[in-house]
N, C-alpha and C. Protein backbone atom coordinates (compact mmCIF):
# COMPACT_ATOMS: atom_id res chain seq x y z
N MET A 1 -8.58 1.99 19.54
CA MET A 1 -8.57 1.98 18.11
C MET A 1 -8.44 3.41 17.59
N THR A 2 -7.63 3.55 16.51
CA THR A 2 -7.45 4.86 15.93
C THR A 2 -8.01 4.90 14.55
N GLN A 3 -8.68 5.97 14.21
CA GLN A 3 -9.14 6.17 12.85
C GLN A 3 -8.60 7.44 12.31
N PHE A 4 -8.15 7.35 11.03
CA PHE A 4 -7.57 8.53 10.36
C PHE A 4 -8.58 9.06 9.34
N ASP A 5 -8.65 10.39 9.23
CA ASP A 5 -9.50 10.90 8.20
C ASP A 5 -8.82 11.01 6.88
N VAL A 6 -9.60 10.95 5.80
CA VAL A 6 -9.04 10.85 4.44
C VAL A 6 -8.09 11.98 4.13
N GLU A 7 -8.45 13.19 4.50
CA GLU A 7 -7.60 14.32 4.13
C GLU A 7 -6.21 14.28 4.84
N THR A 8 -6.19 13.87 6.07
CA THR A 8 -4.96 13.72 6.79
C THR A 8 -4.09 12.65 6.11
N VAL A 9 -4.70 11.54 5.76
CA VAL A 9 -3.95 10.47 5.05
C VAL A 9 -3.43 10.95 3.69
N ARG A 10 -4.28 11.69 2.95
CA ARG A 10 -3.86 12.21 1.66
C ARG A 10 -2.62 13.12 1.77
N ARG A 11 -2.64 13.98 2.78
CA ARG A 11 -1.51 14.89 2.99
C ARG A 11 -0.24 14.11 3.36
N HIS A 12 -0.42 13.07 4.15
CA HIS A 12 0.71 12.22 4.56
C HIS A 12 1.32 11.51 3.34
N ILE A 13 0.47 10.93 2.53
CA ILE A 13 0.93 10.27 1.33
C ILE A 13 1.70 11.22 0.37
N ALA A 14 1.08 12.39 0.17
CA ALA A 14 1.70 13.35 -0.72
C ALA A 14 3.01 13.79 -0.26
N GLU A 15 3.17 13.93 1.10
CA GLU A 15 4.48 14.41 1.66
C GLU A 15 5.55 13.26 1.59
N PHE A 16 5.17 12.09 2.02
CA PHE A 16 6.18 11.04 2.18
C PHE A 16 6.30 10.09 0.95
N HIS A 17 5.38 10.22 0.06
CA HIS A 17 5.36 9.38 -1.14
C HIS A 17 5.05 10.24 -2.34
N PRO A 18 5.94 11.19 -2.66
CA PRO A 18 5.66 12.17 -3.74
C PRO A 18 5.46 11.57 -5.14
N GLY A 19 5.97 10.39 -5.32
CA GLY A 19 5.88 9.66 -6.64
C GLY A 19 4.56 8.86 -6.76
N CYS A 20 3.71 8.84 -5.73
CA CYS A 20 2.53 8.10 -5.79
C CYS A 20 1.51 8.78 -6.67
N PRO A 21 0.95 8.05 -7.70
CA PRO A 21 -0.04 8.68 -8.60
C PRO A 21 -1.28 9.19 -7.84
N LYS A 22 -1.81 10.27 -8.29
CA LYS A 22 -2.92 10.93 -7.67
C LYS A 22 -4.08 9.96 -7.45
N PHE A 23 -4.42 9.14 -8.44
CA PHE A 23 -5.53 8.20 -8.26
C PHE A 23 -5.20 7.22 -7.12
N ALA A 24 -3.95 6.81 -6.98
CA ALA A 24 -3.63 5.88 -5.93
C ALA A 24 -3.66 6.55 -4.58
N ILE A 25 -3.29 7.88 -4.49
CA ILE A 25 -3.33 8.60 -3.24
C ILE A 25 -4.81 8.54 -2.67
N GLN A 26 -5.73 8.87 -3.52
CA GLN A 26 -7.12 8.89 -3.07
C GLN A 26 -7.59 7.49 -2.64
N TYR A 27 -7.25 6.48 -3.47
CA TYR A 27 -7.73 5.15 -3.24
C TYR A 27 -7.12 4.65 -1.88
N ILE A 28 -5.82 4.85 -1.69
CA ILE A 28 -5.15 4.38 -0.46
C ILE A 28 -5.69 5.14 0.73
N ALA A 29 -5.85 6.44 0.57
CA ALA A 29 -6.35 7.24 1.70
C ALA A 29 -7.76 6.76 2.15
N GLU A 30 -8.62 6.46 1.17
CA GLU A 30 -9.93 5.91 1.52
C GLU A 30 -9.82 4.55 2.24
N GLN A 31 -8.90 3.73 1.78
CA GLN A 31 -8.69 2.42 2.41
C GLN A 31 -8.22 2.55 3.82
N VAL A 32 -7.27 3.42 4.04
CA VAL A 32 -6.77 3.67 5.42
C VAL A 32 -7.83 4.20 6.34
N ALA A 33 -8.61 5.22 5.83
CA ALA A 33 -9.65 5.85 6.60
C ALA A 33 -10.81 4.93 6.95
N ALA A 34 -11.01 3.88 6.15
CA ALA A 34 -12.16 2.97 6.32
C ALA A 34 -11.92 2.00 7.49
N LYS A 35 -10.70 1.90 8.01
CA LYS A 35 -10.39 0.92 9.06
C LYS A 35 -10.09 1.60 10.43
N ALA A 36 -10.37 0.84 11.43
CA ALA A 36 -9.94 1.27 12.80
C ALA A 36 -8.67 0.58 13.08
N TRP A 37 -7.61 1.32 13.34
CA TRP A 37 -6.26 0.81 13.54
C TRP A 37 -5.87 0.66 14.96
N GLN A 38 -5.52 -0.48 15.38
CA GLN A 38 -5.12 -0.71 16.80
C GLN A 38 -3.59 -0.59 16.92
N GLY A 39 -3.14 0.43 17.61
CA GLY A 39 -1.72 0.55 17.89
C GLY A 39 -0.87 0.95 16.72
N ALA A 40 -1.46 1.45 15.65
CA ALA A 40 -0.69 1.84 14.48
C ALA A 40 -0.67 3.32 14.32
N THR A 41 0.56 3.81 13.95
CA THR A 41 0.71 5.19 13.59
C THR A 41 0.13 5.42 12.21
N LEU A 42 -0.02 6.70 11.83
CA LEU A 42 -0.46 6.99 10.45
C LEU A 42 0.49 6.34 9.45
N GLY A 43 1.79 6.53 9.67
CA GLY A 43 2.77 5.97 8.77
C GLY A 43 2.70 4.49 8.60
N MET A 44 2.46 3.79 9.71
CA MET A 44 2.35 2.33 9.70
C MET A 44 1.07 1.95 8.90
N ALA A 45 -0.06 2.61 9.16
CA ALA A 45 -1.32 2.27 8.47
C ALA A 45 -1.15 2.51 6.96
N VAL A 46 -0.50 3.60 6.54
CA VAL A 46 -0.26 3.86 5.15
C VAL A 46 0.62 2.81 4.53
N GLY A 47 1.69 2.50 5.23
CA GLY A 47 2.65 1.48 4.72
C GLY A 47 2.03 0.14 4.51
N ILE A 48 1.24 -0.34 5.54
CA ILE A 48 0.58 -1.62 5.45
C ILE A 48 -0.47 -1.61 4.30
N THR A 49 -1.18 -0.52 4.20
CA THR A 49 -2.20 -0.42 3.11
C THR A 49 -1.55 -0.42 1.76
N MET A 50 -0.48 0.36 1.59
CA MET A 50 0.24 0.43 0.34
C MET A 50 0.79 -0.93 -0.07
N GLN A 51 1.39 -1.61 0.90
CA GLN A 51 1.89 -3.00 0.58
C GLN A 51 0.71 -3.86 0.08
N ASN A 52 -0.39 -3.85 0.76
CA ASN A 52 -1.51 -4.66 0.43
C ASN A 52 -2.09 -4.35 -0.96
N VAL A 53 -2.28 -3.03 -1.21
CA VAL A 53 -2.84 -2.57 -2.50
C VAL A 53 -1.88 -2.97 -3.57
N LEU A 54 -0.59 -2.71 -3.43
CA LEU A 54 0.37 -3.05 -4.52
C LEU A 54 0.40 -4.57 -4.73
N ARG A 55 0.43 -5.33 -3.67
CA ARG A 55 0.51 -6.74 -3.83
C ARG A 55 -0.68 -7.35 -4.51
N HIS A 56 -1.87 -6.89 -4.16
CA HIS A 56 -3.09 -7.45 -4.77
C HIS A 56 -3.52 -6.87 -6.13
N GLU A 57 -3.16 -5.55 -6.30
CA GLU A 57 -3.65 -4.84 -7.48
C GLU A 57 -2.57 -4.73 -8.57
N MET A 58 -1.28 -4.77 -8.20
CA MET A 58 -0.28 -4.49 -9.18
C MET A 58 0.71 -5.65 -9.48
N THR A 59 0.38 -6.80 -8.89
CA THR A 59 1.25 -7.98 -9.16
C THR A 59 0.35 -9.19 -9.45
N ASP A 60 0.96 -10.32 -9.77
CA ASP A 60 0.18 -11.48 -10.03
C ASP A 60 0.01 -12.35 -8.78
N TYR A 61 0.05 -11.73 -7.57
CA TYR A 61 -0.05 -12.38 -6.33
C TYR A 61 -1.32 -13.29 -6.22
N ASP A 62 -2.44 -12.69 -6.56
CA ASP A 62 -3.74 -13.43 -6.45
C ASP A 62 -3.78 -14.56 -7.42
N THR A 63 -3.24 -14.39 -8.57
CA THR A 63 -3.17 -15.45 -9.60
C THR A 63 -2.32 -16.60 -9.09
N LEU A 64 -1.17 -16.26 -8.48
CA LEU A 64 -0.28 -17.31 -7.89
C LEU A 64 -1.06 -18.10 -6.86
N LEU A 65 -1.85 -17.45 -6.02
CA LEU A 65 -2.61 -18.16 -5.03
C LEU A 65 -3.65 -19.05 -5.64
N LEU A 66 -4.29 -18.58 -6.69
CA LEU A 66 -5.30 -19.38 -7.39
C LEU A 66 -4.67 -20.62 -8.08
N MET A 67 -3.40 -20.45 -8.47
CA MET A 67 -2.70 -21.54 -9.08
C MET A 67 -2.18 -22.58 -8.06
N GLY A 68 -2.36 -22.31 -6.78
CA GLY A 68 -2.03 -23.25 -5.72
C GLY A 68 -0.66 -22.95 -5.07
N VAL A 69 -0.05 -21.75 -5.43
CA VAL A 69 1.21 -21.44 -4.81
C VAL A 69 0.94 -21.03 -3.30
N ASP A 70 1.77 -21.54 -2.45
CA ASP A 70 1.67 -21.24 -1.03
C ASP A 70 1.75 -19.73 -0.82
N ARG A 71 0.96 -19.20 0.15
CA ARG A 71 0.92 -17.76 0.38
C ARG A 71 2.28 -17.14 0.67
N ALA A 72 3.14 -17.82 1.47
CA ALA A 72 4.43 -17.26 1.77
C ALA A 72 5.28 -17.23 0.50
N GLU A 73 5.19 -18.26 -0.34
CA GLU A 73 5.99 -18.30 -1.57
C GLU A 73 5.49 -17.23 -2.56
N ALA A 74 4.19 -17.08 -2.65
CA ALA A 74 3.58 -16.04 -3.50
C ALA A 74 4.03 -14.64 -3.10
N ARG A 75 4.05 -14.40 -1.82
CA ARG A 75 4.54 -13.14 -1.35
C ARG A 75 6.01 -12.89 -1.66
N ARG A 76 6.80 -13.96 -1.43
CA ARG A 76 8.23 -13.88 -1.73
C ARG A 76 8.45 -13.52 -3.23
N ARG A 77 7.67 -14.12 -4.10
CA ARG A 77 7.82 -13.90 -5.53
C ARG A 77 7.47 -12.44 -5.96
N VAL A 78 6.47 -11.89 -5.34
CA VAL A 78 6.03 -10.53 -5.80
C VAL A 78 6.66 -9.41 -5.02
N GLN A 79 7.26 -9.72 -3.89
CA GLN A 79 7.80 -8.63 -3.07
C GLN A 79 8.85 -7.72 -3.77
N PRO A 80 9.73 -8.28 -4.61
CA PRO A 80 10.65 -7.34 -5.29
C PRO A 80 9.93 -6.24 -6.11
N ARG A 81 8.82 -6.61 -6.75
CA ARG A 81 8.05 -5.66 -7.57
C ARG A 81 7.41 -4.66 -6.62
N VAL A 82 6.85 -5.10 -5.55
CA VAL A 82 6.17 -4.20 -4.57
C VAL A 82 7.27 -3.27 -3.98
N ASP A 83 8.41 -3.73 -3.65
CA ASP A 83 9.49 -2.89 -3.11
C ASP A 83 9.90 -1.87 -4.11
N ALA A 84 10.07 -2.26 -5.38
CA ALA A 84 10.43 -1.31 -6.40
C ALA A 84 9.42 -0.21 -6.55
N MET A 85 8.12 -0.52 -6.55
CA MET A 85 7.09 0.52 -6.69
C MET A 85 7.11 1.41 -5.49
N LEU A 86 7.29 0.86 -4.31
CA LEU A 86 7.36 1.73 -3.12
C LEU A 86 8.54 2.66 -3.15
N ARG A 87 9.68 2.15 -3.60
CA ARG A 87 10.83 3.05 -3.75
C ARG A 87 10.56 4.19 -4.71
N ALA A 88 9.96 3.86 -5.82
CA ALA A 88 9.63 4.91 -6.82
C ALA A 88 8.67 5.94 -6.23
N TRP A 89 7.66 5.43 -5.49
CA TRP A 89 6.70 6.42 -4.92
C TRP A 89 7.36 7.25 -3.87
N THR A 90 8.26 6.66 -3.09
CA THR A 90 8.91 7.41 -2.03
C THR A 90 9.96 8.49 -2.58
N SER A 91 10.64 8.08 -3.67
CA SER A 91 11.64 8.93 -4.15
C SER A 91 11.02 10.07 -5.06
N GLY A 92 9.82 9.95 -5.48
CA GLY A 92 9.22 10.95 -6.31
C GLY A 92 9.25 10.59 -7.75
N GLN A 93 9.77 9.43 -8.10
CA GLN A 93 9.78 9.04 -9.54
C GLN A 93 8.42 8.49 -9.94
N ARG A 94 8.02 8.81 -11.12
CA ARG A 94 6.68 8.27 -11.56
C ARG A 94 6.87 7.50 -12.85
């Protein structure tokens, strides 16, 4: 199991996701650092965590689930928004 420290994760996000808001950098870095990652690189851990944070915090994914929408269908519906936010964060657009 691999664990990443918050500062290393923060630097990684700042370098590879320059459009990521500062508050999100800290939040995501703390989320990544709080877990033990099996077989994941730092980039993979950041990517997985960003996907999860964006899906649950920045879309209506959880609302869809509460309305009875199947998990796979709910993910399909929100993925375009998640992808757009990731592109903006990666490109440096805010």
